[in-house]
PDB file of N, CA and C in Angstrom:
ATOM      1  N   MET A   1      52.924   9.318   3.027  1.00  0.00           N
ATOM      2  CA  MET A   1      51.485   9.489   3.210  1.00  0.00           C
ATOM      3  C   MET A   1      50.837   9.734   1.860  1.00  0.00           C
ATOM      4  N   GLN A   2      49.677   9.186   1.689  1.00  0.00           N
ATOM      5  CA  GLN A   2      48.966   9.402   0.438  1.00  0.00           C
ATOM      6  C   GLN A   2      47.980  10.551   0.551  1.00  0.00           C
ATOM      7  N   THR A   3      47.304  10.834  -0.539  1.00  0.00           N
ATOM      8  CA  THR A   3      46.415  11.996  -0.593  1.00  0.00           C
ATOM      9  C   THR A   3      44.933  11.642  -0.497  1.00  0.00           C
ATOM     10  N   LYS A   4      44.608  10.355  -0.445  1.00  0.00           N
ATOM     11  CA  LYS A   4      43.215   9.924  -0.378  1.00  0.00           C
ATOM     12  C   LYS A   4      42.821   9.665   1.069  1.00  0.00           C
ATOM     13  N   LEU A   5      41.699  10.263   1.474  1.00  0.00           N
ATOM     14  CA  LEU A   5      41.225  10.158   2.848  1.00  0.00           C
ATOM     15  C   LEU A   5      39.896   9.413   2.920  1.00  0.00           C
ATOM     16  N   TYR A   6      39.756   8.619   3.966  1.00  0.00           N
ATOM     17  CA  TYR A   6      38.493   7.969   4.309  1.00  0.00           C
ATOM     18  C   TYR A   6      37.734   8.938   5.201  1.00  0.00           C
ATOM     19  N   VAL A   7      36.444   9.106   4.953  1.00  0.00           N
ATOM     20  CA  VAL A   7      35.598   9.972   5.780  1.00  0.00           C
ATOM     21  C   VAL A   7      34.402   9.149   6.225  1.00  0.00           C
ATOM     22  N   GLY A   8      34.314   8.889   7.524  1.00  0.00           N
ATOM     23  CA  GLY A   8      33.258   8.047   8.049  1.00  0.00           C
ATOM     24  C   GLY A   8      32.330   8.758   9.007  1.00  0.00           C
ATOM     25  N   ASN A   9      31.237   8.083   9.347  1.00  0.00           N
ATOM     26  CA  ASN A   9      30.186   8.547  10.255  1.00  0.00           C
ATOM     27  C   ASN A   9      29.423   9.730   9.679  1.00  0.00           C
ATOM     28  N   LEU A  10      29.165   9.657   8.373  1.00  0.00           N
ATOM     29  CA  LEU A  10      28.419  10.728   7.707  1.00  0.00           C
ATOM     30  C   LEU A  10      26.919  10.511   7.845  1.00  0.00           C
ATOM     31  N   VAL A  11      26.200  11.598   8.003  1.00  0.00           N
ATOM     32  CA  VAL A  11      24.745  11.540   8.036  1.00  0.00           C
ATOM     33  C   VAL A  11      24.253  11.269   6.609  1.00  0.00           C
ATOM     34  N   GLY A  12      23.110  10.630   6.482  1.00  0.00           N
ATOM     35  CA  GLY A  12      22.595  10.212   5.183  1.00  0.00           C
ATOM     36  C   GLY A  12      22.335  11.321   4.185  1.00  0.00           C
ATOM     37  N   SER A  13      22.142  12.541   4.650  1.00  0.00           N
ATOM     38  CA  SER A  13      21.820  13.644   3.736  1.00  0.00           C
ATOM     39  C   SER A  13      23.053  14.316   3.123  1.00  0.00           C
ATOM     40  N   VAL A  14      24.253  13.887   3.503  1.00  0.00           N
ATOM     41  CA  VAL A  14      25.484  14.492   2.988  1.00  0.00           C
ATOM     42  C   VAL A  14      25.633  14.154   1.503  1.00  0.00           C
ATOM     43  N   THR A  15      26.092  15.139   0.734  1.00  0.00           N
ATOM     44  CA  THR A  15      26.306  14.954  -0.703  1.00  0.00           C
ATOM     45  C   THR A  15      27.796  15.063  -1.036  1.00  0.00           C
ATOM     46  N   ASN A  16      28.157  14.674  -2.256  1.00  0.00           N
ATOM     47  CA  ASN A  16      29.532  14.854  -2.721  1.00  0.00           C
ATOM     48  C   ASN A  16      29.936  16.319  -2.652  1.00  0.00           C
ATOM     49  N   GLU A  17      29.008  17.194  -2.992  1.00  0.00           N
ATOM     50  CA  GLU A  17      29.290  18.627  -2.956  1.00  0.00           C
ATOM     51  C   GLU A  17      29.570  19.099  -1.527  1.00  0.00           C
ATOM     52  N   ASP A  18      28.837  18.562  -0.541  1.00  0.00           N
ATOM     53  CA  ASP A  18      29.099  18.897   0.870  1.00  0.00           C
ATOM     54  C   ASP A  18      30.532  18.529   1.255  1.00  0.00           C
ATOM     55  N   LEU A  19      30.958  17.338   0.827  1.00  0.00           N
ATOM     56  CA  LEU A  19      32.322  16.893   1.139  1.00  0.00           C
ATOM     57  C   LEU A  19      33.354  17.800   0.486  1.00  0.00           C
ATOM     58  N   LYS A  20      33.128  18.153  -0.774  1.00  0.00           N
ATOM     59  CA  LYS A  20      34.063  19.039  -1.480  1.00  0.00           C
ATOM     60  C   LYS A  20      34.197  20.365  -0.766  1.00  0.00           C
ATOM     61  N   ILE A  21      33.068  20.936  -0.379  1.00  0.00           N
ATOM     62  CA  ILE A  21      33.089  22.234   0.297  1.00  0.00           C
ATOM     63  C   ILE A  21      33.819  22.127   1.639  1.00  0.00           C
ATOM     64  N   LEU A  22      33.502  21.110   2.409  1.00  0.00           N
ATOM     65  CA  LEU A  22      34.132  20.930   3.716  1.00  0.00           C
ATOM     66  C   LEU A  22      35.643  20.784   3.600  1.00  0.00           C
ATOM     67  N   PHE A  23      36.093  19.946   2.682  1.00  0.00           N
ATOM     68  CA  PHE A  23      37.525  19.672   2.564  1.00  0.00           C
ATOM     69  C   PHE A  23      38.273  20.753   1.799  1.00  0.00           C
ATOM     70  N   SER A  24      37.578  21.550   0.996  1.00  0.00           N
ATOM     71  CA  SER A  24      38.256  22.603   0.235  1.00  0.00           C
ATOM     72  C   SER A  24      38.834  23.688   1.138  1.00  0.00           C
ATOM     73  N   ASN A  25      38.390  23.739   2.377  1.00  0.00           N
ATOM     74  CA  ASN A  25      38.988  24.676   3.338  1.00  0.00           C
ATOM     75  C   ASN A  25      40.430  24.300   3.667  1.00  0.00           C
ATOM     76  N   HIS A  26      40.847  23.113   3.257  1.00  0.00           N
ATOM     77  CA  HIS A  26      42.195  22.626   3.573  1.00  0.00           C
ATOM     78  C   HIS A  26      43.043  22.416   2.328  1.00  0.00           C
ATOM     79  N   GLY A  27      42.533  22.811   1.169  1.00  0.00           N
ATOM     80  CA  GLY A  27      43.288  22.697  -0.072  1.00  0.00           C
ATOM     81  C   GLY A  27      42.404  22.296  -1.230  1.00  0.00           C
ATOM     82  N   GLU A  28      43.046  21.915  -2.324  1.00  0.00           N
ATOM     83  CA  GLU A  28      42.318  21.536  -3.535  1.00  0.00           C
ATOM     84  C   GLU A  28      41.817  20.100  -3.435  1.00  0.00           C
ATOM     85  N   VAL A  29      40.515  19.942  -3.622  1.00  0.00           N
ATOM     86  CA  VAL A  29      39.908  18.614  -3.621  1.00  0.00           C
ATOM     87  C   VAL A  29      39.914  18.112  -5.060  1.00  0.00           C
ATOM     88  N   LYS A  30      40.647  17.022  -5.296  1.00  0.00           N
ATOM     89  CA  LYS A  30      40.699  16.448  -6.642  1.00  0.00           C
ATOM     90  C   LYS A  30      39.449  15.631  -6.938  1.00  0.00           C
ATOM     91  N   GLU A  31      38.962  14.920  -5.917  1.00  0.00           N
ATOM     92  CA  GLU A  31      37.788  14.079  -6.110  1.00  0.00           C
ATOM     93  C   GLU A  31      37.132  13.800  -4.760  1.00  0.00           C
ATOM     94  N   SER A  32      35.820  13.727  -4.769  1.00  0.00           N
ATOM     95  CA  SER A  32      35.097  13.253  -3.583  1.00  0.00           C
ATOM     96  C   SER A  32      34.135  12.178  -4.058  1.00  0.00           C
ATOM     97  N   LYS A  33      34.073  11.102  -3.296  1.00  0.00           N
ATOM     98  CA  LYS A  33      33.213   9.988  -3.684  1.00  0.00           C
ATOM     99  C   LYS A  33      32.474   9.497  -2.455  1.00  0.00           C
ATOM    100  N   LEU A  34      31.179   9.689  -2.471  1.00  0.00           N
ATOM    101  CA  LEU A  34      30.317   9.266  -1.385  1.00  0.00           C
ATOM    102  C   LEU A  34      29.804   7.864  -1.697  1.00  0.00           C
ATOM    103  N   ILE A  35      29.897   6.962  -0.748  1.00  0.00           N
ATOM    104  CA  ILE A  35      29.358   5.621  -0.925  1.00  0.00           C
ATOM    105  C   ILE A  35      27.911   5.662  -0.450  1.00  0.00           C
ATOM    106  N   GLU A  36      26.999   5.657  -1.406  1.00  0.00           N
ATOM    107  CA  GLU A  36      25.564   5.831  -1.125  1.00  0.00           C
ATOM    108  C   GLU A  36      25.043   4.818  -0.107  1.00  0.00           C
ATOM    109  N   GLY A  37      24.341   5.332   0.876  1.00  0.00           N
ATOM    110  CA  GLY A  37      23.678   4.486   1.857  1.00  0.00           C
ATOM    111  C   GLY A  37      24.588   3.807   2.859  1.00  0.00           C
ATOM    112  N   LYS A  38      25.870   4.114   2.837  1.00  0.00           N
ATOM    113  CA  LYS A  38      26.821   3.443   3.729  1.00  0.00           C
ATOM    114  C   LYS A  38      27.347   4.350   4.838  1.00  0.00           C
ATOM    115  N   GLY A  39      27.172   5.655   4.710  1.00  0.00           N
ATOM    116  CA  GLY A  39      27.620   6.573   5.752  1.00  0.00           C
ATOM    117  C   GLY A  39      29.107   6.869   5.722  1.00  0.00           C
ATOM    118  N   PHE A  40      29.750   6.624   4.574  1.00  0.00           N
ATOM    119  CA  PHE A  40      31.157   6.982   4.456  1.00  0.00           C
ATOM    120  C   PHE A  40      31.479   7.330   3.013  1.00  0.00           C
ATOM    121  N   GLY A  41      32.668   7.876   2.831  1.00  0.00           N
ATOM    122  CA  GLY A  41      33.109   8.247   1.496  1.00  0.00           C
ATOM    123  C   GLY A  41      34.608   8.466   1.495  1.00  0.00           C
ATOM    124  N   PHE A  42      35.098   8.960   0.365  1.00  0.00           N
ATOM    125  CA  PHE A  42      36.523   9.205   0.198  1.00  0.00           C
ATOM    126  C   PHE A  42      36.722  10.567  -0.437  1.00  0.00           C
ATOM    127  N   VAL A  43      37.771  11.242   0.007  1.00  0.00           N
ATOM    128  CA  VAL A  43      38.132  12.534  -0.560  1.00  0.00           C
ATOM    129  C   VAL A  43      39.608  12.471  -0.923  1.00  0.00           C
ATOM    130  N   GLU A  44      39.921  12.877  -2.154  1.00  0.00           N
ATOM    131  CA  GLU A  44      41.315  12.924  -2.566  1.00  0.00           C
ATOM    132  C   GLU A  44      41.749  14.377  -2.667  1.00  0.00           C
ATOM    133  N   MET A  45      42.793  14.713  -1.930  1.00  0.00           N
ATOM    134  CA  MET A  45      43.350  16.054  -1.935  1.00  0.00           C
ATOM    135  C   MET A  45      44.476  16.114  -2.971  1.00  0.00           C
ATOM    136  N   SER A  46      44.910  17.328  -3.340  1.00  0.00           N
ATOM    137  CA  SER A  46      45.903  17.454  -4.405  1.00  0.00           C
ATOM    138  C   SER A  46      47.322  17.114  -3.956  1.00  0.00           C
ATOM    139  N   ASN A  47      47.596  17.179  -2.650  1.00  0.00           N
ATOM    140  CA  ASN A  47      48.934  16.782  -2.184  1.00  0.00           C
ATOM    141  C   ASN A  47      48.887  16.304  -0.735  1.00  0.00           C
ATOM    142  N   GLN A  48      50.005  15.755  -0.289  1.00  0.00           N
ATOM    143  CA  GLN A  48      50.069  15.149   1.049  1.00  0.00           C
ATOM    144  C   GLN A  48      49.866  16.148   2.169  1.00  0.00           C
ATOM    145  N   SER A  49      50.433  17.335   2.042  1.00  0.00           N
ATOM    146  CA  SER A  49      50.308  18.298   3.144  1.00  0.00           C
ATOM    147  C   SER A  49      48.857  18.744   3.318  1.00  0.00           C
ATOM    148  N   GLU A  50      48.119  18.872   2.210  1.00  0.00           N
ATOM    149  CA  GLU A  50      46.700  19.223   2.315  1.00  0.00           C
ATOM    150  C   GLU A  50      45.901  18.083   2.943  1.00  0.00           C
ATOM    151  N   ALA A  51      46.214  16.855   2.553  1.00  0.00           N
ATOM    152  CA  ALA A  51      45.529  15.696   3.130  1.00  0.00           C
ATOM    153  C   ALA A  51      45.806  15.612   4.633  1.00  0.00           C
ATOM    154  N   GLU A  52      47.048  15.849   5.009  1.00  0.00           N
ATOM    155  CA  GLU A  52      47.413  15.806   6.426  1.00  0.00           C
ATOM    156  C   GLU A  52      46.695  16.901   7.206  1.00  0.00           C
ATOM    157  N   SER A  53      46.626  18.095   6.642  1.00  0.00           N
ATOM    158  CA  SER A  53      45.936  19.214   7.283  1.00  0.00           C
ATOM    159  C   SER A  53      44.455  18.908   7.474  1.00  0.00           C
ATOM    160  N   ALA A  54      43.826  18.370   6.426  1.00  0.00           N
ATOM    161  CA  ALA A  54      42.402  18.037   6.505  1.00  0.00           C
ATOM    162  C   ALA A  54      42.160  16.959   7.552  1.00  0.00           C
ATOM    163  N   LYS A  55      42.999  15.944   7.566  1.00  0.00           N
ATOM    164  CA  LYS A  55      42.845  14.861   8.553  1.00  0.00           C
ATOM    165  C   LYS A  55      42.972  15.403   9.967  1.00  0.00           C
ATOM    166  N   LYS A  56      43.991  16.186  10.190  1.00  0.00           N
ATOM    167  CA  LYS A  56      44.246  16.726  11.526  1.00  0.00           C
ATOM    168  C   LYS A  56      43.101  17.629  12.001  1.00  0.00           C
ATOM    169  N   SER A  57      42.598  18.460  11.099  1.00  0.00           N
ATOM    170  CA  SER A  57      41.551  19.417  11.471  1.00  0.00           C
ATOM    171  C   SER A  57      40.160  18.810  11.557  1.00  0.00           C
ATOM    172  N   LEU A  58      39.855  17.864  10.667  1.00  0.00           N
ATOM    173  CA  LEU A  58      38.475  17.388  10.569  1.00  0.00           C
ATOM    174  C   LEU A  58      38.190  16.096  11.334  1.00  0.00           C
ATOM    175  N   ASN A  59      39.225  15.311  11.643  1.00  0.00           N
ATOM    176  CA  ASN A  59      38.982  14.081  12.405  1.00  0.00           C
ATOM    177  C   ASN A  59      38.395  14.440  13.769  1.00  0.00           C
ATOM    178  N   GLU A  60      37.289  13.798  14.110  1.00  0.00           N
ATOM    179  CA  GLU A  60      36.583  14.004  15.374  1.00  0.00           C
ATOM    180  C   GLU A  60      35.907  15.371  15.467  1.00  0.00           C
ATOM    181  N   SER A  61      35.749  16.046  14.320  1.00  0.00           N
ATOM    182  CA  SER A  61      35.010  17.309  14.322  1.00  0.00           C
ATOM    183  C   SER A  61      33.536  17.021  14.065  1.00  0.00           C
ATOM    184  N   ASN A  62      32.687  17.987  14.390  1.00  0.00           N
ATOM    185  CA  ASN A  62      31.255  17.831  14.204  1.00  0.00           C
ATOM    186  C   ASN A  62      30.865  18.337  12.824  1.00  0.00           C
ATOM    187  N   PHE A  63      30.152  17.515  12.072  1.00  0.00           N
ATOM    188  CA  PHE A  63      29.660  17.902  10.751  1.00  0.00           C
ATOM    189  C   PHE A  63      28.230  17.415  10.607  1.00  0.00           C
ATOM    190  N   LYS A  64      27.305  18.363  10.522  1.00  0.00           N
ATOM    191  CA  LYS A  64      25.877  18.063  10.393  1.00  0.00           C
ATOM    192  C   LYS A  64      25.378  17.144  11.510  1.00  0.00           C
ATOM    193  N   GLY A  65      25.867  17.389  12.725  1.00  0.00           N
ATOM    194  CA  GLY A  65      25.397  16.647  13.887  1.00  0.00           C
ATOM    195  C   GLY A  65      26.092  15.327  14.163  1.00  0.00           C
ATOM    196  N   ARG A  66      27.106  14.992  13.386  1.00  0.00           N
ATOM    197  CA  ARG A  66      27.844  13.746  13.585  1.00  0.00           C
ATOM    198  C   ARG A  66      29.319  14.048  13.811  1.00  0.00           C
ATOM    199  N   THR A  67      29.986  13.190  14.575  1.00  0.00           N
ATOM    200  CA  THR A  67      31.428  13.302  14.781  1.00  0.00           C
ATOM    201  C   THR A  67      32.134  12.534  13.680  1.00  0.00           C
ATOM    202  N   LEU A  68      32.857  13.260  12.834  1.00  0.00           N
ATOM    203  CA  LEU A  68      33.521  12.646  11.687  1.00  0.00           C
ATOM    204  C   LEU A  68      34.699  11.781  12.090  1.00  0.00           C
ATOM    205  N   LYS A  69      34.932  10.756  11.309  1.00  0.00           N
ATOM    206  CA  LYS A  69      36.127   9.931  11.410  1.00  0.00           C
ATOM    207  C   LYS A  69      36.874  10.139  10.097  1.00  0.00           C
ATOM    208  N   VAL A  70      38.032  10.792  10.156  1.00  0.00           N
ATOM    209  CA  VAL A  70      38.831  11.058   8.961  1.00  0.00           C
ATOM    210  C   VAL A  70      40.192  10.405   9.148  1.00  0.00           C
ATOM    211  N   ASP A  71      40.581   9.585   8.176  1.00  0.00           N
ATOM    212  CA  ASP A  71      41.856   8.876   8.244  1.00  0.00           C
ATOM    213  C   ASP A  71      42.376   8.633   6.828  1.00  0.00           C
ATOM    214  N   ILE A  72      43.611   8.231   6.746  1.00  0.00           N
ATOM    215  CA  ILE A  72      44.195   7.877   5.451  1.00  0.00           C
ATOM    216  C   ILE A  72      43.452   6.647   4.926  1.00  0.00           C
ATOM    217  N   ALA A  73      43.065   6.710   3.670  1.00  0.00           N
ATOM    218  CA  ALA A  73      42.347   5.582   3.063  1.00  0.00           C
ATOM    219  C   ALA A  73      43.294   4.408   2.874  1.00  0.00           C
ATOM    220  N   LYS A  74      42.818   3.236   3.229  1.00  0.00           N
ATOM    221  CA  LYS A  74      43.601   2.021   3.037  1.00  0.00           C
ATOM    222  C   LYS A  74      43.254   1.434   1.674  1.00  0.00           C
ATOM    223  N   PRO A  75      44.222   0.798   1.031  1.00  0.00           N
ATOM    224  CA  PRO A  75      43.902   0.175  -0.266  1.00  0.00           C
ATOM    225  C   PRO A  75      42.856  -0.913  -0.083  1.00  0.00           C
ATOM    226  N   PRO A  76      42.002  -1.099  -1.086  1.00  0.00           N
ATOM    227  CA  PRO A  76      40.977  -2.140  -0.956  1.00  0.00           C
ATOM    228  C   PRO A  76      41.603  -3.517  -0.836  1.00  0.00           C
ATOM    229  N   LYS A  77      40.963  -4.350  -0.026  1.00  0.00           N
ATOM    230  CA  LYS A  77      41.442  -5.725   0.124  1.00  0.00           C
ATOM    231  C   LYS A  77      41.130  -6.486  -1.150  1.00  0.00           C
ATOM    232  N   SER A  78      42.072  -7.324  -1.556  1.00  0.00           N
ATOM    233  CA  SER A  78      41.799  -8.110  -2.756  1.00  0.00           C
ATOM    234  C   SER A  78      40.802  -9.199  -2.403  1.00  0.00           C
ATOM    235  N   ARG A  79      39.928  -9.438  -3.304  1.00  0.00           N
ATOM    236  CA  ARG A  79      38.902 -10.455  -3.074  1.00  0.00           C
ATOM    237  C   ARG A  79      39.279 -11.707  -3.851  1.00  0.00           C
ATOM    238  N   SER A  80      40.248 -12.420  -3.313  1.00  0.00           N
ATOM    239  CA  SER A  80      40.640 -13.639  -4.002  1.00  0.00           C
ATOM    240  C   SER A  80      39.577 -14.708  -3.745  1.00  0.00           C
ATOM    241  N   ASN A  81      39.218 -15.367  -4.777  1.00  0.00           N
ATOM    242  CA  ASN A  81      38.169 -16.364  -4.693  1.00  0.00           C
ATOM    243  C   ASN A  81      38.820 -17.740  -4.736  1.00  0.00           C
ATOM    244  N   ASN A  82      39.286 -18.184  -3.588  1.00  0.00           N
ATOM    245  CA  ASN A  82      39.987 -19.463  -3.506  1.00  0.00           C
ATOM    246  C   ASN A  82      39.051 -20.629  -3.256  1.00  0.00           C
ATOM    247  N   ARG A  83      37.781 -20.365  -3.090  1.00  0.00           N
ATOM    248  CA  ARG A  83      36.831 -21.438  -2.825  1.00  0.00           C
ATOM    249  C   ARG A  83      36.452 -22.153  -4.112  1.00  0.00           C
ATOM    250  N   ARG A  84      36.173 -23.398  -3.950  1.00  0.00           N
ATOM    251  CA  ARG A  84      35.661 -24.170  -5.095  1.00  0.00           C
ATOM    252  C   ARG A  84      34.224 -24.534  -4.799  1.00  0.00           C
ATOM    253  N   TYR A  85      33.386 -24.234  -5.751  1.00  0.00           N
ATOM    254  CA  TYR A  85      31.975 -24.560  -5.596  1.00  0.00           C
ATOM    255  C   TYR A  85      31.682 -25.866  -6.335  1.00  0.00           C
ATOM    256  N   ARG A  86      30.887 -26.695  -5.733  1.00  0.00           N
ATOM    257  CA  ARG A  86      30.564 -27.983  -6.347  1.00  0.00           C
ATOM    258  C   ARG A  86      29.169 -27.996  -6.855  1.00  0.00           C
TER     259      ARG A  86
END
């Protein structure tokens, strides 16, 4: 298991600092990155057990009126550009 978590279904007013505070209850937050205007972000915990604890505790929990979706972050899909433009 990795240490980076996907956090979805965030309300628009959530900040990086909000994410850090929320996840710090489960261990050391190495980084939080909110994707502006998209309603999701990523939080990296310092180790696997902290990431697992945060996922287990926060997935489907209520945060600022929304039910959070917390899961292990998947690696980004490669954007291979196999098309030829004429």
